[in-house]
Amino acid sequence: MLKDGTVVGKHKGIVHYTVGQRKGLGIALGFPVFVLEIRPQTNEVVLGKKEDTLSTHIRIGN
């Protein structure tokens, strides 16, 4: 699914994907897409454009 909730296909299992991955997604949308999020509770892989991978915050621990 895309970041906006649009379903664009089926995946072969969430264990085959990593956040930030671009290659090997098996989907062609006319623009490069990246894995933004993996949702194990709902078995969803969320895809988006490169600019969607950027963040304005960071969490740091010990």
PDB file of N, CA and C in Angstrom:
ATOM      1  N   MET A   1       0.838  -1.175   0.000  1.00  0.00           N
ATOM      2  CA  MET A   1       0.000   0.000   0.000  1.00  0.00           C
ATOM      3  C   MET A   1       0.879   1.233   0.000  1.00  0.00           C
ATOM      4  N   LEU A   2       0.360   2.273  -0.590  1.00  0.00           N
ATOM      5  CA  LEU A   2       1.077   3.544  -0.572  1.00  0.00           C
ATOM      6  C   LEU A   2       0.787   4.260   0.740  1.00  0.00           C
ATOM      7  N   LYS A   3       1.566   5.275   1.015  1.00  0.00           N
ATOM      8  CA  LYS A   3       1.427   6.055   2.243  1.00  0.00           C
ATOM      9  C   LYS A   3       0.005   6.587   2.422  1.00  0.00           C
ATOM     10  N   ASP A   4      -0.658   6.904   1.318  1.00  0.00           N
ATOM     11  CA  ASP A   4      -2.020   7.454   1.394  1.00  0.00           C
ATOM     12  C   ASP A   4      -3.094   6.379   1.571  1.00  0.00           C
ATOM     13  N   GLY A   5      -2.702   5.101   1.660  1.00  0.00           N
ATOM     14  CA  GLY A   5      -3.649   4.015   1.878  1.00  0.00           C
ATOM     15  C   GLY A   5      -4.057   3.273   0.623  1.00  0.00           C
ATOM     16  N   THR A   6      -3.605   3.708  -0.539  1.00  0.00           N
ATOM     17  CA  THR A   6      -3.928   3.052  -1.799  1.00  0.00           C
ATOM     18  C   THR A   6      -3.222   1.692  -1.883  1.00  0.00           C
ATOM     19  N   VAL A   7      -3.993   0.642  -2.078  1.00  0.00           N
ATOM     20  CA  VAL A   7      -3.419  -0.694  -2.221  1.00  0.00           C
ATOM     21  C   VAL A   7      -2.910  -0.839  -3.651  1.00  0.00           C
ATOM     22  N   VAL A   8      -1.628  -1.202  -3.802  1.00  0.00           N
ATOM     23  CA  VAL A   8      -1.020  -1.293  -5.132  1.00  0.00           C
ATOM     24  C   VAL A   8      -0.584  -2.711  -5.487  1.00  0.00           C
ATOM     25  N   GLY A   9      -0.795  -3.655  -4.590  1.00  0.00           N
ATOM     26  CA  GLY A   9      -0.424  -5.032  -4.901  1.00  0.00           C
ATOM     27  C   GLY A   9      -0.341  -5.887  -3.655  1.00  0.00           C
ATOM     28  N   LYS A  10       0.130  -7.112  -3.863  1.00  0.00           N
ATOM     29  CA  LYS A  10       0.313  -8.055  -2.763  1.00  0.00           C
ATOM     30  C   LYS A  10       1.796  -8.326  -2.607  1.00  0.00           C
ATOM     31  N   HIS A  11       2.215  -8.636  -1.391  1.00  0.00           N
ATOM     32  CA  HIS A  11       3.621  -8.920  -1.143  1.00  0.00           C
ATOM     33  C   HIS A  11       3.803 -10.385  -0.773  1.00  0.00           C
ATOM     34  N   LYS A  12       5.064 -10.815  -0.725  1.00  0.00           N
ATOM     35  CA  LYS A  12       5.372 -12.222  -0.472  1.00  0.00           C
ATOM     36  C   LYS A  12       5.666 -12.503   0.995  1.00  0.00           C
ATOM     37  N   GLY A  13       5.284 -11.600   1.874  1.00  0.00           N
ATOM     38  CA  GLY A  13       5.508 -11.762   3.307  1.00  0.00           C
ATOM     39  C   GLY A  13       6.402 -10.664   3.845  1.00  0.00           C
ATOM     40  N   ILE A  14       6.031 -10.118   4.992  1.00  0.00           N
ATOM     41  CA  ILE A  14       6.765  -8.966   5.525  1.00  0.00           C
ATOM     42  C   ILE A  14       8.213  -9.284   5.876  1.00  0.00           C
ATOM     43  N   VAL A  15       8.539 -10.549   6.082  1.00  0.00           N
ATOM     44  CA  VAL A  15       9.920 -10.915   6.420  1.00  0.00           C
ATOM     45  C   VAL A  15      10.885 -10.667   5.262  1.00  0.00           C
ATOM     46  N   HIS A  16      10.371 -10.445   4.067  1.00  0.00           N
ATOM     47  CA  HIS A  16      11.204 -10.233   2.882  1.00  0.00           C
ATOM     48  C   HIS A  16      11.524  -8.757   2.628  1.00  0.00           C
ATOM     49  N   TYR A  17      11.107  -7.865   3.523  1.00  0.00           N
ATOM     50  CA  TYR A  17      11.268  -6.429   3.298  1.00  0.00           C
ATOM     51  C   TYR A  17      11.937  -5.756   4.481  1.00  0.00           C
ATOM     52  N   THR A  18      12.618  -4.639   4.185  1.00  0.00           N
ATOM     53  CA  THR A  18      13.315  -3.840   5.189  1.00  0.00           C
ATOM     54  C   THR A  18      12.951  -2.377   4.964  1.00  0.00           C
ATOM     55  N   VAL A  19      12.754  -1.630   6.046  1.00  0.00           N
ATOM     56  CA  VAL A  19      12.469  -0.201   5.921  1.00  0.00           C
ATOM     57  C   VAL A  19      13.631   0.456   5.177  1.00  0.00           C
ATOM     58  N   GLY A  20      13.301   1.249   4.169  1.00  0.00           N
ATOM     59  CA  GLY A  20      14.302   1.911   3.339  1.00  0.00           C
ATOM     60  C   GLY A  20      14.602   1.169   2.048  1.00  0.00           C
ATOM     61  N   GLN A  21      14.157  -0.068   1.941  1.00  0.00           N
ATOM     62  CA  GLN A  21      14.422  -0.887   0.750  1.00  0.00           C
ATOM     63  C   GLN A  21      13.776  -0.280  -0.486  1.00  0.00           C
ATOM     64  N   ARG A  22      14.500  -0.350  -1.607  1.00  0.00           N
ATOM     65  CA  ARG A  22      13.969   0.128  -2.880  1.00  0.00           C
ATOM     66  C   ARG A  22      13.950  -0.988  -3.920  1.00  0.00           C
ATOM     67  N   LYS A  23      14.993  -1.772  -3.958  1.00  0.00           N
ATOM     68  CA  LYS A  23      15.109  -2.826  -4.976  1.00  0.00           C
ATOM     69  C   LYS A  23      14.415  -4.100  -4.531  1.00  0.00           C
ATOM     70  N   GLY A  24      13.930  -4.853  -5.516  1.00  0.00           N
ATOM     71  CA  GLY A  24      13.326  -6.144  -5.231  1.00  0.00           C
ATOM     72  C   GLY A  24      11.906  -6.088  -4.708  1.00  0.00           C
ATOM     73  N   LEU A  25      11.233  -4.961  -4.895  1.00  0.00           N
ATOM     74  CA  LEU A  25       9.862  -4.833  -4.402  1.00  0.00           C
ATOM     75  C   LEU A  25       8.846  -5.481  -5.337  1.00  0.00           C
ATOM     76  N   GLY A  26       9.224  -5.646  -6.592  1.00  0.00           N
ATOM     77  CA  GLY A  26       8.329  -6.298  -7.543  1.00  0.00           C
ATOM     78  C   GLY A  26       7.125  -5.464  -7.930  1.00  0.00           C
ATOM     79  N   ILE A  27       7.283  -4.154  -7.919  1.00  0.00           N
ATOM     80  CA  ILE A  27       6.179  -3.265  -8.290  1.00  0.00           C
ATOM     81  C   ILE A  27       6.729  -2.094  -9.092  1.00  0.00           C
ATOM     82  N   ALA A  28       6.014  -1.724 -10.139  1.00  0.00           N
ATOM     83  CA  ALA A  28       6.415  -0.599 -10.983  1.00  0.00           C
ATOM     84  C   ALA A  28       5.281   0.419 -10.991  1.00  0.00           C
ATOM     85  N   LEU A  29       5.550   1.601 -10.481  1.00  0.00           N
ATOM     86  CA  LEU A  29       4.524   2.641 -10.397  1.00  0.00           C
ATOM     87  C   LEU A  29       4.850   3.848 -11.265  1.00  0.00           C
ATOM     88  N   GLY A  30       5.945   3.790 -12.000  1.00  0.00           N
ATOM     89  CA  GLY A  30       6.343   4.919 -12.827  1.00  0.00           C
ATOM     90  C   GLY A  30       7.270   5.881 -12.108  1.00  0.00           C
ATOM     91  N   PHE A  31       7.538   5.622 -10.843  1.00  0.00           N
ATOM     92  CA  PHE A  31       8.470   6.400 -10.046  1.00  0.00           C
ATOM     93  C   PHE A  31       9.050   5.465  -8.992  1.00  0.00           C
ATOM     94  N   PRO A  32      10.264   5.741  -8.514  1.00  0.00           N
ATOM     95  CA  PRO A  32      10.869   4.862  -7.507  1.00  0.00           C
ATOM     96  C   PRO A  32      10.086   4.901  -6.196  1.00  0.00           C
ATOM     97  N   VAL A  33       9.900   3.742  -5.585  1.00  0.00           N
ATOM     98  CA  VAL A  33       9.240   3.676  -4.279  1.00  0.00           C
ATOM     99  C   VAL A  33      10.143   2.965  -3.275  1.00  0.00           C
ATOM    100  N   PHE A  34       9.981   3.303  -2.036  1.00  0.00           N
ATOM    101  CA  PHE A  34      10.771   2.777  -0.939  1.00  0.00           C
ATOM    102  C   PHE A  34       9.835   2.239   0.135  1.00  0.00           C
ATOM    103  N   VAL A  35      10.313   1.268   0.904  1.00  0.00           N
ATOM    104  CA  VAL A  35       9.544   0.773   2.041  1.00  0.00           C
ATOM    105  C   VAL A  35       9.644   1.812   3.155  1.00  0.00           C
ATOM    106  N   LEU A  36       8.499   2.355   3.561  1.00  0.00           N
ATOM    107  CA  LEU A  36       8.467   3.352   4.618  1.00  0.00           C
ATOM    108  C   LEU A  36       8.203   2.730   5.976  1.00  0.00           C
ATOM    109  N   GLU A  37       7.389   1.690   5.964  1.00  0.00           N
ATOM    110  CA  GLU A  37       6.943   1.110   7.226  1.00  0.00           C
ATOM    111  C   GLU A  37       6.512  -0.327   6.996  1.00  0.00           C
ATOM    112  N   ILE A  38       6.730  -1.165   7.991  1.00  0.00           N
ATOM    113  CA  ILE A  38       6.250  -2.544   7.953  1.00  0.00           C
ATOM    114  C   ILE A  38       5.315  -2.708   9.140  1.00  0.00           C
ATOM    115  N   ARG A  39       4.081  -3.117   8.883  1.00  0.00           N
ATOM    116  CA  ARG A  39       3.068  -3.258   9.924  1.00  0.00           C
ATOM    117  C   ARG A  39       2.738  -4.731  10.145  1.00  0.00           C
ATOM    118  N   PRO A  40       3.431  -5.378  11.082  1.00  0.00           N
ATOM    119  CA  PRO A  40       3.208  -6.812  11.289  1.00  0.00           C
ATOM    120  C   PRO A  40       1.802  -7.150  11.776  1.00  0.00           C
ATOM    121  N   GLN A  41       1.163  -6.241  12.523  1.00  0.00           N
ATOM    122  CA  GLN A  41      -0.177  -6.507  13.049  1.00  0.00           C
ATOM    123  C   GLN A  41      -1.205  -6.698  11.936  1.00  0.00           C
ATOM    124  N   THR A  42      -1.032  -5.960  10.844  1.00  0.00           N
ATOM    125  CA  THR A  42      -1.984  -6.019   9.737  1.00  0.00           C
ATOM    126  C   THR A  42      -1.376  -6.629   8.471  1.00  0.00           C
ATOM    127  N   ASN A  43      -0.107  -7.089   8.554  1.00  0.00           N
ATOM    128  CA  ASN A  43       0.589  -7.700   7.423  1.00  0.00           C
ATOM    129  C   ASN A  43       0.689  -6.745   6.230  1.00  0.00           C
ATOM    130  N   GLU A  44       1.015  -5.489   6.521  1.00  0.00           N
ATOM    131  CA  GLU A  44       1.103  -4.475   5.479  1.00  0.00           C
ATOM    132  C   GLU A  44       2.532  -3.961   5.324  1.00  0.00           C
ATOM    133  N   VAL A  45       2.896  -3.684   4.083  1.00  0.00           N
ATOM    134  CA  VAL A  45       4.155  -3.023   3.758  1.00  0.00           C
ATOM    135  C   VAL A  45       3.767  -1.688   3.138  1.00  0.00           C
ATOM    136  N   VAL A  46       4.182  -0.587   3.760  1.00  0.00           N
ATOM    137  CA  VAL A  46       3.807   0.745   3.298  1.00  0.00           C
ATOM    138  C   VAL A  46       4.935   1.305   2.440  1.00  0.00           C
ATOM    139  N   LEU A  47       4.589   1.771   1.246  1.00  0.00           N
ATOM    140  CA  LEU A  47       5.550   2.304   0.286  1.00  0.00           C
ATOM    141  C   LEU A  47       5.354   3.802   0.106  1.00  0.00           C
ATOM    142  N   GLY A  48       6.416   4.483  -0.304  1.00  0.00           N
ATOM    143  CA  GLY A  48       6.310   5.909  -0.579  1.00  0.00           C
ATOM    144  C   GLY A  48       7.485   6.376  -1.414  1.00  0.00           C
ATOM    145  N   LYS A  49       7.442   7.642  -1.772  1.00  0.00           N
ATOM    146  CA  LYS A  49       8.507   8.260  -2.554  1.00  0.00           C
ATOM    147  C   LYS A  49       9.712   8.560  -1.665  1.00  0.00           C
ATOM    148  N   LYS A  50      10.828   8.890  -2.295  1.00  0.00           N
ATOM    149  CA  LYS A  50      12.071   9.152  -1.562  1.00  0.00           C
ATOM    150  C   LYS A  50      11.876  10.239  -0.511  1.00  0.00           C
ATOM    151  N   GLU A  51      11.162  11.299  -0.859  1.00  0.00           N
ATOM    152  CA  GLU A  51      10.970  12.390   0.100  1.00  0.00           C
ATOM    153  C   GLU A  51      10.152  11.951   1.323  1.00  0.00           C
ATOM    154  N   ASP A  52       9.379  10.882   1.167  1.00  0.00           N
ATOM    155  CA  ASP A  52       8.609  10.352   2.303  1.00  0.00           C
ATOM    156  C   ASP A  52       9.502   9.628   3.310  1.00  0.00           C
ATOM    157  N   THR A  53      10.724   9.276   2.902  1.00  0.00           N
ATOM    158  CA  THR A  53      11.640   8.577   3.803  1.00  0.00           C
ATOM    159  C   THR A  53      12.348   9.540   4.754  1.00  0.00           C
ATOM    160  N   LEU A  54      12.278  10.830   4.467  1.00  0.00           N
ATOM    161  CA  LEU A  54      12.964  11.823   5.290  1.00  0.00           C
ATOM    162  C   LEU A  54      12.200  12.071   6.585  1.00  0.00           C
ATOM    163  N   SER A  55      12.918  12.453   7.617  1.00  0.00           N
ATOM    164  CA  SER A  55      12.316  12.683   8.926  1.00  0.00           C
ATOM    165  C   SER A  55      12.812  14.009   9.498  1.00  0.00           C
ATOM    166  N   THR A  56      11.997  14.604  10.343  1.00  0.00           N
ATOM    167  CA  THR A  56      12.366  15.857  10.980  1.00  0.00           C
ATOM    168  C   THR A  56      12.709  15.647  12.462  1.00  0.00           C
ATOM    169  N   HIS A  57      12.696  14.396  12.912  1.00  0.00           N
ATOM    170  CA  HIS A  57      13.014  14.117  14.306  1.00  0.00           C
ATOM    171  C   HIS A  57      13.783  12.807  14.443  1.00  0.00           C
ATOM    172  N   ILE A  58      14.405  12.651  15.606  1.00  0.00           N
ATOM    173  CA  ILE A  58      15.160  11.444  15.889  1.00  0.00           C
ATOM    174  C   ILE A  58      15.001  11.128  17.378  1.00  0.00           C
ATOM    175  N   ARG A  59      14.950   9.842  17.706  1.00  0.00           N
ATOM    176  CA  ARG A  59      14.854   9.417  19.094  1.00  0.00           C
ATOM    177  C   ARG A  59      16.167   8.698  19.455  1.00  0.00           C
ATOM    178  N   ILE A  60      16.785   9.146  20.528  1.00  0.00           N
ATOM    179  CA  ILE A  60      18.066   8.598  20.943  1.00  0.00           C
ATOM    180  C   ILE A  60      17.955   8.086  22.369  1.00  0.00           C
ATOM    181  N   GLY A  61      18.506   6.914  22.588  1.00  0.00           N
ATOM    182  CA  GLY A  61      18.512   6.344  23.929  1.00  0.00           C
ATOM    183  C   GLY A  61      19.937   6.129  24.412  1.00  0.00           C
ATOM    184  N   ASN A  62      20.059   5.521  25.585  1.00  0.00           N
ATOM    185  CA  ASN A  62      21.390   5.275  26.151  1.00  0.00           C
ATOM    186  C   ASN A  62      22.172   4.504  25.153  1.00  0.00           C
TER     187      ASN A  62
END
